[in-house]
């Protein structure tokens, strides 16, 4: 999993990381997605562009702007682990 931190269009710090699920998901997410998370929202961009790790911040902001809001987890799904802990630092 790759991880990036960047400034969004409003100057707010955002995190981005790729997710490649090991279980069945909707067809639109089967190939994985980028998760974008800030202090106020979480969004998904699919499919994962091959170049995203080396993309300029402006390109990350473009992807963030077109990413779809991630659904809030409710019920039993809320008890399951999320994609990644909130604002987790990148692994070494």
PDB file of N, CA and C in Angstrom:
ATOM      1  N   UNK A   1       0.843  -1.171   0.000  1.00  0.00           N
ATOM      2  CA  UNK A   1       0.000   0.000   0.000  1.00  0.00           C
ATOM      3  C   UNK A   1       0.892   1.238   0.000  1.00  0.00           C
ATOM      4  N   UNK A   2       0.568   2.139  -0.890  1.00  0.00           N
ATOM      5  CA  UNK A   2       1.272   3.414  -0.947  1.00  0.00           C
ATOM      6  C   UNK A   2       0.445   4.468  -0.233  1.00  0.00           C
ATOM      7  N   UNK A   3       1.117   5.515   0.250  1.00  0.00           N
ATOM      8  CA  UNK A   3       0.466   6.553   1.041  1.00  0.00           C
ATOM      9  C   UNK A   3       1.074   7.902   0.700  1.00  0.00           C
ATOM     10  N   UNK A   4       0.222   8.932   0.583  1.00  0.00           N
ATOM     11  CA  UNK A   4       0.696  10.297   0.328  1.00  0.00           C
ATOM     12  C   UNK A   4      -0.056  11.267   1.225  1.00  0.00           C
ATOM     13  N   UNK A   5       0.598  12.359   1.567  1.00  0.00           N
ATOM     14  CA  UNK A   5      -0.022  13.482   2.256  1.00  0.00           C
ATOM     15  C   UNK A   5       0.167  14.696   1.356  1.00  0.00           C
ATOM     16  N   UNK A   6      -0.898  15.496   1.189  1.00  0.00           N
ATOM     17  CA  UNK A   6      -0.822  16.669   0.326  1.00  0.00           C
ATOM     18  C   UNK A   6      -1.825  17.708   0.797  1.00  0.00           C
ATOM     19  N   UNK A   7      -1.714  18.904   0.236  1.00  0.00           N
ATOM     20  CA  UNK A   7      -2.647  19.987   0.537  1.00  0.00           C
ATOM     21  C   UNK A   7      -3.741  20.002  -0.516  1.00  0.00           C
ATOM     22  N   UNK A   8      -5.023  20.005  -0.076  1.00  0.00           N
ATOM     23  CA  UNK A   8      -6.114  20.064  -1.044  1.00  0.00           C
ATOM     24  C   UNK A   8      -6.275  21.492  -1.564  1.00  0.00           C
ATOM     25  N   UNK A   9      -7.280  21.720  -2.389  1.00  0.00           N
ATOM     26  CA  UNK A   9      -7.478  23.029  -3.020  1.00  0.00           C
ATOM     27  C   UNK A   9      -7.777  24.137  -2.014  1.00  0.00           C
ATOM     28  N   UNK A  10      -8.182  23.772  -0.797  1.00  0.00           N
ATOM     29  CA  UNK A  10      -8.485  24.751   0.253  1.00  0.00           C
ATOM     30  C   UNK A  10      -7.355  24.874   1.272  1.00  0.00           C
ATOM     31  N   UNK A  11      -6.221  24.223   1.007  1.00  0.00           N
ATOM     32  CA  UNK A  11      -5.077  24.277   1.905  1.00  0.00           C
ATOM     33  C   UNK A  11      -5.168  23.324   3.081  1.00  0.00           C
ATOM     34  N   UNK A  12      -6.159  22.451   3.078  1.00  0.00           N
ATOM     35  CA  UNK A  12      -6.326  21.480   4.161  1.00  0.00           C
ATOM     36  C   UNK A  12      -5.482  20.249   3.870  1.00  0.00           C
ATOM     37  N   UNK A  13      -4.871  19.683   4.899  1.00  0.00           N
ATOM     38  CA  UNK A  13      -4.077  18.474   4.719  1.00  0.00           C
ATOM     39  C   UNK A  13      -4.991  17.303   4.416  1.00  0.00           C
ATOM     40  N   UNK A  14      -4.639  16.540   3.395  1.00  0.00           N
ATOM     41  CA  UNK A  14      -5.374  15.340   3.021  1.00  0.00           C
ATOM     42  C   UNK A  14      -4.399  14.179   2.923  1.00  0.00           C
ATOM     43  N   UNK A  15      -4.912  13.001   3.174  1.00  0.00           N
ATOM     44  CA  UNK A  15      -4.156  11.761   3.048  1.00  0.00           C
ATOM     45  C   UNK A  15      -4.718  11.010   1.850  1.00  0.00           C
ATOM     46  N   UNK A  16      -3.885  10.261   1.156  1.00  0.00           N
ATOM     47  CA  UNK A  16      -4.344   9.404   0.056  1.00  0.00           C
ATOM     48  C   UNK A  16      -3.605   8.077   0.159  1.00  0.00           C
ATOM     49  N   UNK A  17      -4.337   6.987  -0.081  1.00  0.00           N
ATOM     50  CA  UNK A  17      -3.714   5.669  -0.102  1.00  0.00           C
ATOM     51  C   UNK A  17      -4.531   4.774  -1.012  1.00  0.00           C
ATOM     52  N   UNK A  18      -3.858   3.735  -1.550  1.00  0.00           N
ATOM     53  CA  UNK A  18      -4.549   2.811  -2.438  1.00  0.00           C
ATOM     54  C   UNK A  18      -5.078   1.620  -1.654  1.00  0.00           C
ATOM     55  N   UNK A  19      -6.200   1.092  -2.130  1.00  0.00           N
ATOM     56  CA  UNK A  19      -6.858  -0.055  -1.508  1.00  0.00           C
ATOM     57  C   UNK A  19      -7.127  -1.077  -2.602  1.00  0.00           C
ATOM     58  N   UNK A  20      -6.679  -2.296  -2.384  1.00  0.00           N
ATOM     59  CA  UNK A  20      -6.948  -3.396  -3.295  1.00  0.00           C
ATOM     60  C   UNK A  20      -7.626  -4.493  -2.482  1.00  0.00           C
ATOM     61  N   UNK A  21      -8.957  -4.584  -2.572  1.00  0.00           N
ATOM     62  CA  UNK A  21      -9.710  -5.482  -1.702  1.00  0.00           C
ATOM     63  C   UNK A  21      -9.427  -6.951  -1.978  1.00  0.00           C
ATOM     64  N   UNK A  22      -9.475  -7.743  -0.918  1.00  0.00           N
ATOM     65  CA  UNK A  22      -9.289  -9.185  -1.064  1.00  0.00           C
ATOM     66  C   UNK A  22     -10.629  -9.911  -1.066  1.00  0.00           C
ATOM     67  N   UNK A  23     -11.727  -9.179  -0.911  1.00  0.00           N
ATOM     68  CA  UNK A  23     -13.063  -9.764  -0.928  1.00  0.00           C
ATOM     69  C   UNK A  23     -13.864  -9.163  -2.068  1.00  0.00           C
ATOM     70  N   UNK A  24     -15.010  -9.752  -2.332  1.00  0.00           N
ATOM     71  CA  UNK A  24     -15.880  -9.250  -3.395  1.00  0.00           C
ATOM     72  C   UNK A  24     -16.410  -7.870  -3.056  1.00  0.00           C
ATOM     73  N   UNK A  25     -16.354  -6.983  -4.021  1.00  0.00           N
ATOM     74  CA  UNK A  25     -16.920  -5.642  -3.897  1.00  0.00           C
ATOM     75  C   UNK A  25     -17.681  -5.340  -5.182  1.00  0.00           C
ATOM     76  N   UNK A  26     -18.393  -4.224  -5.203  1.00  0.00           N
ATOM     77  CA  UNK A  26     -19.108  -3.831  -6.416  1.00  0.00           C
ATOM     78  C   UNK A  26     -18.148  -3.811  -7.606  1.00  0.00           C
ATOM     79  N   UNK A  27     -18.689  -4.073  -8.793  1.00  0.00           N
ATOM     80  CA  UNK A  27     -17.868  -4.090 -10.008  1.00  0.00           C
ATOM     81  C   UNK A  27     -17.053  -2.827 -10.183  1.00  0.00           C
ATOM     82  N   UNK A  28     -17.598  -1.668  -9.819  1.00  0.00           N
ATOM     83  CA  UNK A  28     -16.877  -0.413 -10.014  1.00  0.00           C
ATOM     84  C   UNK A  28     -15.656  -0.296  -9.114  1.00  0.00           C
ATOM     85  N   UNK A  29     -15.579  -1.106  -8.062  1.00  0.00           N
ATOM     86  CA  UNK A  29     -14.446  -1.035  -7.138  1.00  0.00           C
ATOM     87  C   UNK A  29     -13.583  -2.295  -7.157  1.00  0.00           C
ATOM     88  N   UNK A  30     -13.908  -3.252  -8.008  1.00  0.00           N
ATOM     89  CA  UNK A  30     -13.217  -4.537  -8.019  1.00  0.00           C
ATOM     90  C   UNK A  30     -11.717  -4.411  -8.256  1.00  0.00           C
ATOM     91  N   UNK A  31     -11.289  -3.413  -9.033  1.00  0.00           N
ATOM     92  CA  UNK A  31      -9.874  -3.232  -9.320  1.00  0.00           C
ATOM     93  C   UNK A  31      -9.152  -2.380  -8.304  1.00  0.00           C
ATOM     94  N   UNK A  32      -9.830  -2.018  -7.236  1.00  0.00           N
ATOM     95  CA  UNK A  32      -9.226  -1.186  -6.203  1.00  0.00           C
ATOM     96  C   UNK A  32      -9.620   0.271  -6.362  1.00  0.00           C
ATOM     97  N   UNK A  33      -9.234   1.081  -5.388  1.00  0.00           N
ATOM     98  CA  UNK A  33      -9.559   2.505  -5.405  1.00  0.00           C
ATOM     99  C   UNK A  33      -8.550   3.280  -4.582  1.00  0.00           C
ATOM    100  N   UNK A  34      -8.515   4.578  -4.789  1.00  0.00           N
ATOM    101  CA  UNK A  34      -7.751   5.472  -3.929  1.00  0.00           C
ATOM    102  C   UNK A  34      -8.707   5.985  -2.868  1.00  0.00           C
ATOM    103  N   UNK A  35      -8.270   5.981  -1.641  1.00  0.00           N
ATOM    104  CA  UNK A  35      -9.034   6.607  -0.569  1.00  0.00           C
ATOM    105  C   UNK A  35      -8.388   7.947  -0.284  1.00  0.00           C
ATOM    106  N   UNK A  36      -9.205   8.994  -0.257  1.00  0.00           N
ATOM    107  CA  UNK A  36      -8.768  10.328   0.129  1.00  0.00           C
ATOM    108  C   UNK A  36      -9.455  10.646   1.444  1.00  0.00           C
ATOM    109  N   UNK A  37      -8.686  11.088   2.424  1.00  0.00           N
ATOM    110  CA  UNK A  37      -9.283  11.422   3.708  1.00  0.00           C
ATOM    111  C   UNK A  37      -8.680  12.698   4.255  1.00  0.00           C
ATOM    112  N   UNK A  38      -9.562  13.572   4.722  1.00  0.00           N
ATOM    113  CA  UNK A  38      -9.150  14.782   5.434  1.00  0.00           C
ATOM    114  C   UNK A  38      -9.820  14.732   6.801  1.00  0.00           C
ATOM    115  N   UNK A  39      -9.685  15.786   7.561  1.00  0.00           N
ATOM    116  CA  UNK A  39     -10.320  15.835   8.872  1.00  0.00           C
ATOM    117  C   UNK A  39     -11.839  15.870   8.764  1.00  0.00           C
ATOM    118  N   UNK A  40     -12.372  16.246   7.588  1.00  0.00           N
ATOM    119  CA  UNK A  40     -13.819  16.428   7.458  1.00  0.00           C
ATOM    120  C   UNK A  40     -14.522  15.441   6.529  1.00  0.00           C
ATOM    121  N   UNK A  41     -13.785  14.717   5.700  1.00  0.00           N
ATOM    122  CA  UNK A  41     -14.462  13.799   4.783  1.00  0.00           C
ATOM    123  C   UNK A  41     -13.552  12.685   4.305  1.00  0.00           C
ATOM    124  N   UNK A  42     -14.187  11.655   3.725  1.00  0.00           N
ATOM    125  CA  UNK A  42     -13.493  10.523   3.124  1.00  0.00           C
ATOM    126  C   UNK A  42     -14.126  10.293   1.759  1.00  0.00           C
ATOM    127  N   UNK A  43     -13.271  10.119   0.724  1.00  0.00           N
ATOM    128  CA  UNK A  43     -13.757   9.937  -0.643  1.00  0.00           C
ATOM    129  C   UNK A  43     -13.015   8.784  -1.309  1.00  0.00           C
ATOM    130  N   UNK A  44     -13.613   8.223  -2.370  1.00  0.00           N
ATOM    131  CA  UNK A  44     -13.001   7.131  -3.129  1.00  0.00           C
ATOM    132  C   UNK A  44     -12.913   7.509  -4.599  1.00  0.00           C
ATOM    133  N   UNK A  45     -11.763   7.173  -5.207  1.00  0.00           N
ATOM    134  CA  UNK A  45     -11.522   7.410  -6.627  1.00  0.00           C
ATOM    135  C   UNK A  45     -11.156   6.065  -7.254  1.00  0.00           C
ATOM    136  N   UNK A  46     -11.902   5.641  -8.261  1.00  0.00           N
ATOM    137  CA  UNK A  46     -11.637   4.350  -8.901  1.00  0.00           C
ATOM    138  C   UNK A  46     -11.704   4.516 -10.413  1.00  0.00           C
ATOM    139  N   UNK A  47     -10.889   3.728 -11.113  1.00  0.00           N
ATOM    140  CA  UNK A  47      -9.863   2.812 -10.621  1.00  0.00           C
ATOM    141  C   UNK A  47      -8.597   3.552 -10.211  1.00  0.00           C
ATOM    142  N   UNK A  48      -7.668   2.835  -9.610  1.00  0.00           N
ATOM    143  CA  UNK A  48      -6.410   3.428  -9.168  1.00  0.00           C
ATOM    144  C   UNK A  48      -5.527   3.707 -10.384  1.00  0.00           C
ATOM    145  N   UNK A  49      -5.153   4.971 -10.631  1.00  0.00           N
ATOM    146  CA  UNK A  49      -4.234   5.266 -11.737  1.00  0.00           C
ATOM    147  C   UNK A  49      -2.834   4.722 -11.410  1.00  0.00           C
ATOM    148  N   UNK A  50      -2.180   4.133 -12.380  1.00  0.00           N
ATOM    149  CA  UNK A  50      -0.856   3.550 -12.151  1.00  0.00           C
ATOM    150  C   UNK A  50       0.158   4.587 -11.677  1.00  0.00           C
ATOM    151  N   UNK A  51      -0.004   5.831 -12.090  1.00  0.00           N
ATOM    152  CA  UNK A  51       0.977   6.879 -11.827  1.00  0.00           C
ATOM    153  C   UNK A  51       0.708   7.671 -10.546  1.00  0.00           C
ATOM    154  N   UNK A  52      -0.307   7.340  -9.788  1.00  0.00           N
ATOM    155  CA  UNK A  52      -0.753   8.225  -8.720  1.00  0.00           C
ATOM    156  C   UNK A  52       0.325   8.486  -7.666  1.00  0.00           C
ATOM    157  N   UNK A  53       1.187   7.528  -7.380  1.00  0.00           N
ATOM    158  CA  UNK A  53       2.213   7.706  -6.342  1.00  0.00           C
ATOM    159  C   UNK A  53       3.186   8.819  -6.720  1.00  0.00           C
ATOM    160  N   UNK A  54       3.462   8.987  -8.000  1.00  0.00           N
ATOM    161  CA  UNK A  54       4.407  10.015  -8.439  1.00  0.00           C
ATOM    162  C   UNK A  54       3.717  11.239  -9.045  1.00  0.00           C
ATOM    163  N   UNK A  55       2.390  11.284  -8.981  1.00  0.00           N
ATOM    164  CA  UNK A  55       1.652  12.405  -9.571  1.00  0.00           C
ATOM    165  C   UNK A  55       1.928  13.705  -8.815  1.00  0.00           C
ATOM    166  N   UNK A  56       1.884  14.808  -9.540  1.00  0.00           N
ATOM    167  CA  UNK A  56       2.006  16.132  -8.917  1.00  0.00           C
ATOM    168  C   UNK A  56       0.804  16.361  -8.009  1.00  0.00           C
ATOM    169  N   UNK A  57       0.962  17.230  -6.999  1.00  0.00           N
ATOM    170  CA  UNK A  57      -0.140  17.510  -6.077  1.00  0.00           C
ATOM    171  C   UNK A  57      -1.367  18.050  -6.805  1.00  0.00           C
ATOM    172  N   UNK A  58      -1.174  18.827  -7.859  1.00  0.00           N
ATOM    173  CA  UNK A  58      -2.317  19.342  -8.624  1.00  0.00           C
ATOM    174  C   UNK A  58      -3.140  18.194  -9.198  1.00  0.00           C
ATOM    175  N   UNK A  59      -2.481  17.143  -9.658  1.00  0.00           N
ATOM    176  CA  UNK A  59      -3.193  15.972 -10.175  1.00  0.00           C
ATOM    177  C   UNK A  59      -3.927  15.248  -9.044  1.00  0.00           C
ATOM    178  N   UNK A  60      -3.308  15.148  -7.871  1.00  0.00           N
ATOM    179  CA  UNK A  60      -4.007  14.546  -6.726  1.00  0.00           C
ATOM    180  C   UNK A  60      -5.245  15.366  -6.365  1.00  0.00           C
ATOM    181  N   UNK A  61      -5.134  16.683  -6.416  1.00  0.00           N
ATOM    182  CA  UNK A  61      -6.286  17.539  -6.135  1.00  0.00           C
ATOM    183  C   UNK A  61      -7.397  17.326  -7.170  1.00  0.00           C
ATOM    184  N   UNK A  62      -7.024  17.110  -8.435  1.00  0.00           N
ATOM    185  CA  UNK A  62      -8.015  16.840  -9.477  1.00  0.00           C
ATOM    186  C   UNK A  62      -8.733  15.520  -9.197  1.00  0.00           C
ATOM    187  N   UNK A  63      -7.961  14.490  -8.827  1.00  0.00           N
ATOM    188  CA  UNK A  63      -8.576  13.196  -8.503  1.00  0.00           C
ATOM    189  C   UNK A  63      -9.498  13.331  -7.294  1.00  0.00           C
ATOM    190  N   UNK A  64      -9.034  14.054  -6.269  1.00  0.00           N
ATOM    191  CA  UNK A  64      -9.846  14.271  -5.076  1.00  0.00           C
ATOM    192  C   UNK A  64     -11.158  14.962  -5.428  1.00  0.00           C
ATOM    193  N   UNK A  65     -11.088  15.977  -6.285  1.00  0.00           N
ATOM    194  CA  UNK A  65     -12.282  16.724  -6.660  1.00  0.00           C
ATOM    195  C   UNK A  65     -13.307  15.846  -7.379  1.00  0.00           C
ATOM    196  N   UNK A  66     -12.857  14.851  -8.130  1.00  0.00           N
ATOM    197  CA  UNK A  66     -13.789  13.993  -8.855  1.00  0.00           C
ATOM    198  C   UNK A  66     -14.112  12.688  -8.119  1.00  0.00           C
ATOM    199  N   UNK A  67     -13.473  12.461  -6.962  1.00  0.00           N
ATOM    200  CA  UNK A  67     -13.739  11.251  -6.175  1.00  0.00           C
ATOM    201  C   UNK A  67     -15.139  11.310  -5.563  1.00  0.00           C
ATOM    202  N   UNK A  68     -15.732  10.135  -5.393  1.00  0.00           N
ATOM    203  CA  UNK A  68     -17.069  10.038  -4.817  1.00  0.00           C
ATOM    204  C   UNK A  68     -16.982   9.935  -3.290  1.00  0.00           C
ATOM    205  N   UNK A  69     -17.919  10.562  -2.582  1.00  0.00           N
ATOM    206  CA  UNK A  69     -17.923  10.434  -1.114  1.00  0.00           C
ATOM    207  C   UNK A  69     -18.021   8.961  -0.711  1.00  0.00           C
ATOM    208  N   UNK A  70     -17.229   8.566   0.262  1.00  0.00           N
ATOM    209  CA  UNK A  70     -17.294   7.193   0.773  1.00  0.00           C
ATOM    210  C   UNK A  70     -18.497   7.092   1.701  1.00  0.00           C
ATOM    211  N   UNK A  71     -19.257   6.013   1.600  1.00  0.00           N
ATOM    212  CA  UNK A  71     -20.433   5.872   2.455  1.00  0.00           C
ATOM    213  C   UNK A  71     -20.039   5.731   3.920  1.00  0.00           C
ATOM    214  N   UNK A  72     -20.894   6.280   4.776  1.00  0.00           N
ATOM    215  CA  UNK A  72     -20.705   6.099   6.210  1.00  0.00           C
ATOM    216  C   UNK A  72     -21.026   4.652   6.554  1.00  0.00           C
ATOM    217  N   UNK A  73     -20.207   4.032   7.375  1.00  0.00           N
ATOM    218  CA  UNK A  73     -20.477   2.668   7.797  1.00  0.00           C
ATOM    219  C   UNK A  73     -21.512   2.678   8.911  1.00  0.00           C
ATOM    220  N   UNK A  74     -22.469   1.777   8.811  1.00  0.00           N
ATOM    221  CA  UNK A  74     -23.496   1.662   9.844  1.00  0.00           C
ATOM    222  C   UNK A  74     -23.685   0.198  10.204  1.00  0.00           C
ATOM    223  N   UNK A  75     -24.348  -0.057  11.308  1.00  0.00           N
ATOM    224  CA  UNK A  75     -24.661  -1.424  11.712  1.00  0.00           C
ATOM    225  C   UNK A  75     -23.421  -2.269  11.900  1.00  0.00           C
ATOM    226  N   UNK A  76     -23.500  -3.524  11.465  1.00  0.00           N
ATOM    227  CA  UNK A  76     -22.397  -4.469  11.649  1.00  0.00           C
ATOM    228  C   UNK A  76     -21.144  -4.024  10.914  1.00  0.00           C
ATOM    229  N   UNK A  77     -21.319  -3.374   9.752  1.00  0.00           N
ATOM    230  CA  UNK A  77     -20.148  -2.909   8.991  1.00  0.00           C
ATOM    231  C   UNK A  77     -19.358  -1.869   9.770  1.00  0.00           C
ATOM    232  N   UNK A  78     -20.006  -1.101  10.633  1.00  0.00           N
ATOM    233  CA  UNK A  78     -19.314  -0.079  11.413  1.00  0.00           C
ATOM    234  C   UNK A  78     -18.363  -0.717  12.424  1.00  0.00           C
ATOM    235  N   UNK A  79     -18.621  -1.960  12.771  1.00  0.00           N
ATOM    236  CA  UNK A  79     -17.776  -2.665  13.730  1.00  0.00           C
ATOM    237  C   UNK A  79     -16.552  -3.299  13.077  1.00  0.00           C
ATOM    238  N   UNK A  80     -16.563  -3.385  11.753  1.00  0.00           N
ATOM    239  CA  UNK A  80     -15.447  -3.991  11.032  1.00  0.00           C
ATOM    240  C   UNK A  80     -14.304  -2.996  10.899  1.00  0.00           C
ATOM    241  N   UNK A  81     -13.056  -3.482  10.767  1.00  0.00           N
ATOM    242  CA  UNK A  81     -11.936  -2.560  10.547  1.00  0.00           C
ATOM    243  C   UNK A  81     -12.142  -1.769   9.263  1.00  0.00           C
ATOM    244  N   UNK A  82     -11.714  -0.522   9.269  1.00  0.00           N
ATOM    245  CA  UNK A  82     -11.809   0.317   8.079  1.00  0.00           C
ATOM    246  C   UNK A  82     -10.620   0.062   7.172  1.00  0.00           C
ATOM    247  N   UNK A  83     -10.587   0.740   6.011  1.00  0.00           N
ATOM    248  CA  UNK A  83      -9.509   0.546   5.043  1.00  0.00           C
ATOM    249  C   UNK A  83      -8.134   0.685   5.698  1.00  0.00           C
ATOM    250  N   UNK A  84      -8.012   1.719   6.521  1.00  0.00           N
ATOM    251  CA  UNK A  84      -6.741   2.040   7.163  1.00  0.00           C
ATOM    252  C   UNK A  84      -7.064   2.931   8.357  1.00  0.00           C
ATOM    253  N   UNK A  85      -6.343   2.816   9.467  1.00  0.00           N
ATOM    254  CA  UNK A  85      -6.631   3.716  10.593  1.00  0.00           C
ATOM    255  C   UNK A  85      -6.518   5.177  10.188  1.00  0.00           C
ATOM    256  N   UNK A  86      -7.330   6.019  10.776  1.00  0.00           N
ATOM    257  CA  UNK A  86      -7.383   7.444  10.465  1.00  0.00           C
ATOM    258  C   UNK A  86      -6.003   8.094  10.544  1.00  0.00           C
ATOM    259  N   UNK A  87      -5.575   8.700   9.451  1.00  0.00           N
ATOM    260  CA  UNK A  87      -4.319   9.440   9.360  1.00  0.00           C
ATOM    261  C   UNK A  87      -3.101   8.608   9.761  1.00  0.00           C
ATOM    262  N   UNK A  88      -3.096   7.362   9.355  1.00  0.00           N
ATOM    263  CA  UNK A  88      -1.974   6.466   9.646  1.00  0.00           C
ATOM    264  C   UNK A  88      -0.753   6.901   8.857  1.00  0.00           C
ATOM    265  N   UNK A  89       0.434   6.980   9.502  1.00  0.00           N
ATOM    266  CA  UNK A  89       1.635   7.355   8.744  1.00  0.00           C
ATOM    267  C   UNK A  89       2.020   6.238   7.778  1.00  0.00           C
ATOM    268  N   UNK A  90       2.717   6.569   6.721  1.00  0.00           N
ATOM    269  CA  UNK A  90       3.096   5.545   5.743  1.00  0.00           C
ATOM    270  C   UNK A  90       4.039   4.514   6.362  1.00  0.00           C
ATOM    271  N   UNK A  91       3.943   3.276   5.869  1.00  0.00           N
ATOM    272  CA  UNK A  91       4.855   2.245   6.354  1.00  0.00           C
ATOM    273  C   UNK A  91       6.229   2.434   5.727  1.00  0.00           C
ATOM    274  N   UNK A  92       7.235   1.973   6.405  1.00  0.00           N
ATOM    275  CA  UNK A  92       8.607   2.125   5.907  1.00  0.00           C
ATOM    276  C   UNK A  92       9.005   0.966   5.047  1.00  0.00           C
TER     277      UNK A  92
END
